[in-house]
Amino acid sequence: MRIGYGRVSTRDQHPEAQHDALVAADCQRVFIDNASGSLARRPELDNALMVTREGGQLVVTKLDRLGRSLEHLIELSKNLQRRGVDLVVLDQGIDTATAVGRMFFQILGAIAEFEHALLSERTIDGLQAARARGRTGGQKPKLGPRQVQLARQMYEETAEDGKRRYTVAQIAAEFGVTRSSIYRYLSKSEGNSEQ
């Protein structure tokens, strides 16, 4: 029995192409996960593995649909081999029923892991280069230094009766931000003034 497995990792990806390819490859049942390849637990993969039986095949469209970790791919392949289940990768023409297929599977797994490691290194290098230029990750501050100073002055300003002239809600509305943003800026500037 051929069992198909597919995975999409982002909201923008659609599983239909994988599903159609697996059905066209004569898979009697098809399981599709919507999860990152780096996640160890994927419920639909677990379901697909539970229904595969000795003499059957687990079919995927591409090797990276099973995951990006070579260790995980090899572990999965060994598990299938122990159970007498072959792994078939349609786009790469891999069939672990053959010695050549097993070797090719391991080579492709190493390449997939290498590509993932390169991407991670490039991301880290890019972030370091940005930090060296004075840029940090995350959102840009909602208020500039002058606006923070004005917000602090408004917060500290008192009326004749000794109470605050402006509420935090009023200050937030003045600058077009949330109250929590104003509280965050006020607590930061209090911390800076104590130093």
Protein backbone atom coordinates (compact mmCIF):
# COMPACT_ATOMS: atom_id res chain seq x y z
CA MET A 1 0.00 0.00 0.00
CA ARG A 2 1.30 3.45 -0.91
CA ILE A 3 0.82 6.14 1.72
CA GLY A 4 1.42 9.76 0.67
CA TYR A 5 2.74 12.47 2.95
CA GLY A 6 3.03 16.20 2.25
CA ARG A 7 3.85 19.29 4.27
CA VAL A 8 3.38 23.01 3.80
CA SER A 9 5.25 25.32 6.13
CA THR A 10 3.71 28.76 5.58
CA ARG A 11 0.25 30.21 5.22
CA ASP A 12 1.11 31.22 1.66
CA GLN A 13 1.80 27.65 0.55
CA HIS A 14 -1.06 25.50 -0.64
CA PRO A 15 -1.09 21.72 -0.20
CA GLU A 16 -3.09 21.00 -3.36
CA ALA A 17 -0.05 20.52 -5.64
CA GLN A 18 1.51 17.96 -3.31
CA HIS A 19 -1.84 16.24 -2.74
CA ASP A 20 -2.48 15.95 -6.48
CA ALA A 21 1.03 14.60 -7.17
CA LEU A 22 0.66 11.99 -4.43
CA VAL A 23 -2.76 10.88 -5.71
CA ALA A 24 -1.33 10.69 -9.25
CA ALA A 25 1.44 8.43 -7.83
CA ASP A 26 -1.27 5.92 -6.80
CA CYS A 27 -1.21 6.70 -3.06
CA GLN A 28 -4.27 5.13 -1.44
CA ARG A 29 -4.18 7.62 1.48
CA VAL A 30 -2.61 11.08 1.69
CA PHE A 31 -1.68 12.97 4.87
CA ILE A 32 -0.73 16.68 4.82
CA ASP A 33 0.82 18.67 7.71
CA ASN A 34 0.87 22.44 8.02
CA ALA A 35 4.02 22.84 10.11
CA SER A 36 7.65 23.88 9.98
CA GLY A 37 10.08 21.20 8.85
CA SER A 38 12.18 21.84 11.95
CA LEU A 39 9.38 20.71 14.29
CA ALA A 40 9.95 17.22 15.64
CA ARG A 41 6.24 16.39 16.11
CA ARG A 42 3.98 16.52 13.11
CA PRO A 43 0.63 14.80 13.68
CA GLU A 44 -0.12 13.92 10.05
CA LEU A 45 3.34 12.40 9.59
CA ASP A 46 2.72 10.35 12.72
CA ASN A 47 -0.62 9.21 11.26
CA ALA A 48 1.00 8.32 7.93
CA LEU A 49 3.68 6.30 9.72
CA MET A 50 1.05 4.47 11.78
CA VAL A 51 -0.82 3.23 8.71
CA THR A 52 2.23 2.17 6.68
CA ARG A 53 2.73 -1.58 6.83
CA GLU A 54 5.49 -3.99 5.89
CA GLY A 55 5.87 -4.16 2.14
CA GLY A 56 4.29 -0.72 1.74
CA GLN A 57 5.74 2.61 0.70
CA LEU A 58 5.77 6.08 2.21
CA VAL A 59 5.70 8.52 -0.71
CA VAL A 60 6.65 12.23 -0.62
CA THR A 61 6.99 14.72 -3.45
CA LYS A 62 10.31 16.19 -2.27
CA LEU A 63 12.82 15.17 0.36
CA ASP A 64 12.59 18.51 2.19
CA ARG A 65 8.89 17.84 2.92
CA LEU A 66 10.02 15.26 5.51
CA GLY A 67 12.32 17.74 7.27
CA ARG A 68 15.61 19.61 6.95
CA SER A 69 17.64 17.67 9.51
CA LEU A 70 19.81 14.93 8.08
CA GLU A 71 19.74 13.18 11.44
CA HIS A 72 15.93 13.11 11.45
CA LEU A 73 15.75 11.96 7.82
CA ILE A 74 18.22 9.12 8.39
CA GLU A 75 16.44 8.11 11.61
CA LEU A 76 13.12 8.07 9.75
CA SER A 77 14.63 6.06 6.89
CA LYS A 78 16.10 3.49 9.32
CA ASN A 79 12.76 3.24 11.14
CA LEU A 80 10.98 2.58 7.84
CA GLN A 81 13.65 0.08 6.81
CA ARG A 82 13.27 -1.86 10.10
CA ARG A 83 9.54 -2.04 9.49
CA GLY A 84 9.99 -3.18 5.90
CA VAL A 85 8.57 0.06 4.46
CA ASP A 86 10.26 1.77 1.51
CA LEU A 87 10.59 5.53 1.12
CA VAL A 88 9.84 6.98 -2.31
CA VAL A 89 10.68 10.59 -3.20
CA LEU A 90 8.94 11.45 -6.46
CA ASP A 91 10.81 14.59 -7.63
CA GLN A 92 14.28 13.18 -6.91
CA GLY A 93 13.53 9.65 -8.15
CA ILE A 94 14.57 8.03 -4.86
CA ASP A 95 13.35 4.58 -3.87
CA THR A 96 14.99 3.11 -0.76
CA ALA A 97 14.09 -0.40 -1.93
CA THR A 98 17.37 -0.25 -3.86
CA ALA A 99 20.95 0.23 -2.60
CA VAL A 100 21.42 3.12 -5.01
CA GLY A 101 18.20 4.71 -3.72
CA ARG A 102 19.39 4.45 -0.11
CA MET A 103 22.76 6.02 -0.98
CA PHE A 104 21.13 8.79 -3.04
CA PHE A 105 18.70 9.48 -0.19
CA GLN A 106 21.58 10.05 2.23
CA ILE A 107 23.44 12.30 -0.22
CA LEU A 108 20.35 14.45 -0.83
CA GLY A 109 19.70 14.64 2.90
CA ALA A 110 23.23 15.94 3.47
CA ILE A 111 22.76 18.55 0.75
CA ALA A 112 19.41 19.69 2.21
CA GLU A 113 20.99 20.10 5.65
CA PHE A 114 23.97 21.95 4.12
CA GLU A 115 21.63 24.40 2.33
CA HIS A 116 19.73 25.02 5.57
CA ALA A 117 23.00 25.65 7.45
CA LEU A 118 24.13 28.10 4.75
CA LEU A 119 20.86 30.00 5.01
CA SER A 120 21.22 30.21 8.80
CA GLU A 121 24.81 31.45 8.47
CA ARG A 122 23.78 34.10 5.93
CA THR A 123 21.02 35.29 8.23
CA ILE A 124 23.41 35.57 11.18
CA ASP A 125 26.01 37.37 9.02
CA GLY A 126 23.36 39.82 7.81
CA LEU A 127 22.20 40.57 11.35
CA GLN A 128 25.79 41.11 12.52
CA ALA A 129 26.47 43.46 9.60
CA ALA A 130 23.30 45.42 10.40
CA ARG A 131 24.31 45.70 14.08
CA ALA A 132 27.76 46.92 13.04
CA ARG A 133 26.00 49.73 11.15
CA GLY A 134 23.99 50.57 14.27
CA ARG A 135 20.76 48.86 13.25
CA THR A 136 19.02 46.44 15.52
CA GLY A 137 16.21 44.01 14.86
CA GLY A 138 12.61 44.54 15.83
CA GLN A 139 10.21 47.35 15.25
CA LYS A 140 11.30 50.95 15.02
CA PRO A 141 10.47 52.97 18.15
CA LYS A 142 6.99 54.46 17.99
CA LEU A 143 8.18 57.72 19.55
CA GLY A 144 11.38 59.62 18.91
CA PRO A 145 13.54 61.02 21.75
CA ARG A 146 11.87 64.47 21.53
CA GLN A 147 8.40 62.93 21.68
CA VAL A 148 9.40 60.82 24.69
CA GLN A 149 10.62 63.95 26.43
CA LEU A 150 7.34 65.77 25.67
CA ALA A 151 5.32 62.77 26.89
CA ARG A 152 7.33 62.78 30.14
CA GLN A 153 6.71 66.53 30.58
CA MET A 154 2.98 66.08 29.96
CA TYR A 155 2.89 63.21 32.46
CA GLU A 156 4.68 65.24 35.14
CA GLU A 157 2.67 68.43 34.59
CA THR A 158 0.21 69.11 37.41
CA ALA A 159 -2.89 71.22 37.59
CA GLU A 160 -3.70 73.79 40.31
CA ASP A 161 -5.31 71.09 42.46
CA GLY A 162 -2.02 69.10 42.50
CA LYS A 163 -3.31 66.28 40.32
CA ARG A 164 -1.83 65.32 36.97
CA ARG A 165 -3.06 67.57 34.18
CA TYR A 166 -2.99 64.75 31.56
CA THR A 167 -3.92 61.11 31.91
CA VAL A 168 -1.85 58.42 30.24
CA ALA A 169 -4.80 57.82 27.90
CA GLN A 170 -4.75 61.49 26.86
CA ILE A 171 -0.99 61.42 26.28
CA ALA A 172 -1.30 58.22 24.25
CA ALA A 173 -4.06 59.77 22.11
CA GLU A 174 -1.92 62.89 21.55
CA PHE A 175 0.94 60.81 20.12
CA GLY A 176 -1.21 58.17 18.41
CA VAL A 177 0.13 55.23 20.40
CA THR A 178 -1.29 52.85 23.00
CA ARG A 179 -1.29 53.48 26.73
CA SER A 180 1.08 50.56 27.22
CA SER A 181 3.57 52.27 24.87
CA ILE A 182 3.44 55.42 26.99
CA TYR A 183 3.91 53.39 30.19
CA ARG A 184 6.87 51.60 28.59
CA TYR A 185 8.54 54.90 27.59
CA LEU A 186 7.86 56.42 31.00
CA SER A 187 9.38 53.45 32.81
CA LYS A 188 12.45 53.57 30.53
CA SER A 189 13.00 57.25 31.11
CA GLU A 190 12.56 56.76 34.89
CA GLY A 191 15.26 54.07 34.76
CA ASN A 192 17.56 56.40 32.77
CA SER A 193 17.06 59.33 35.14
CA GLU A 194 18.01 57.19 38.15
CA GLN A 195 21.43 56.37 36.66
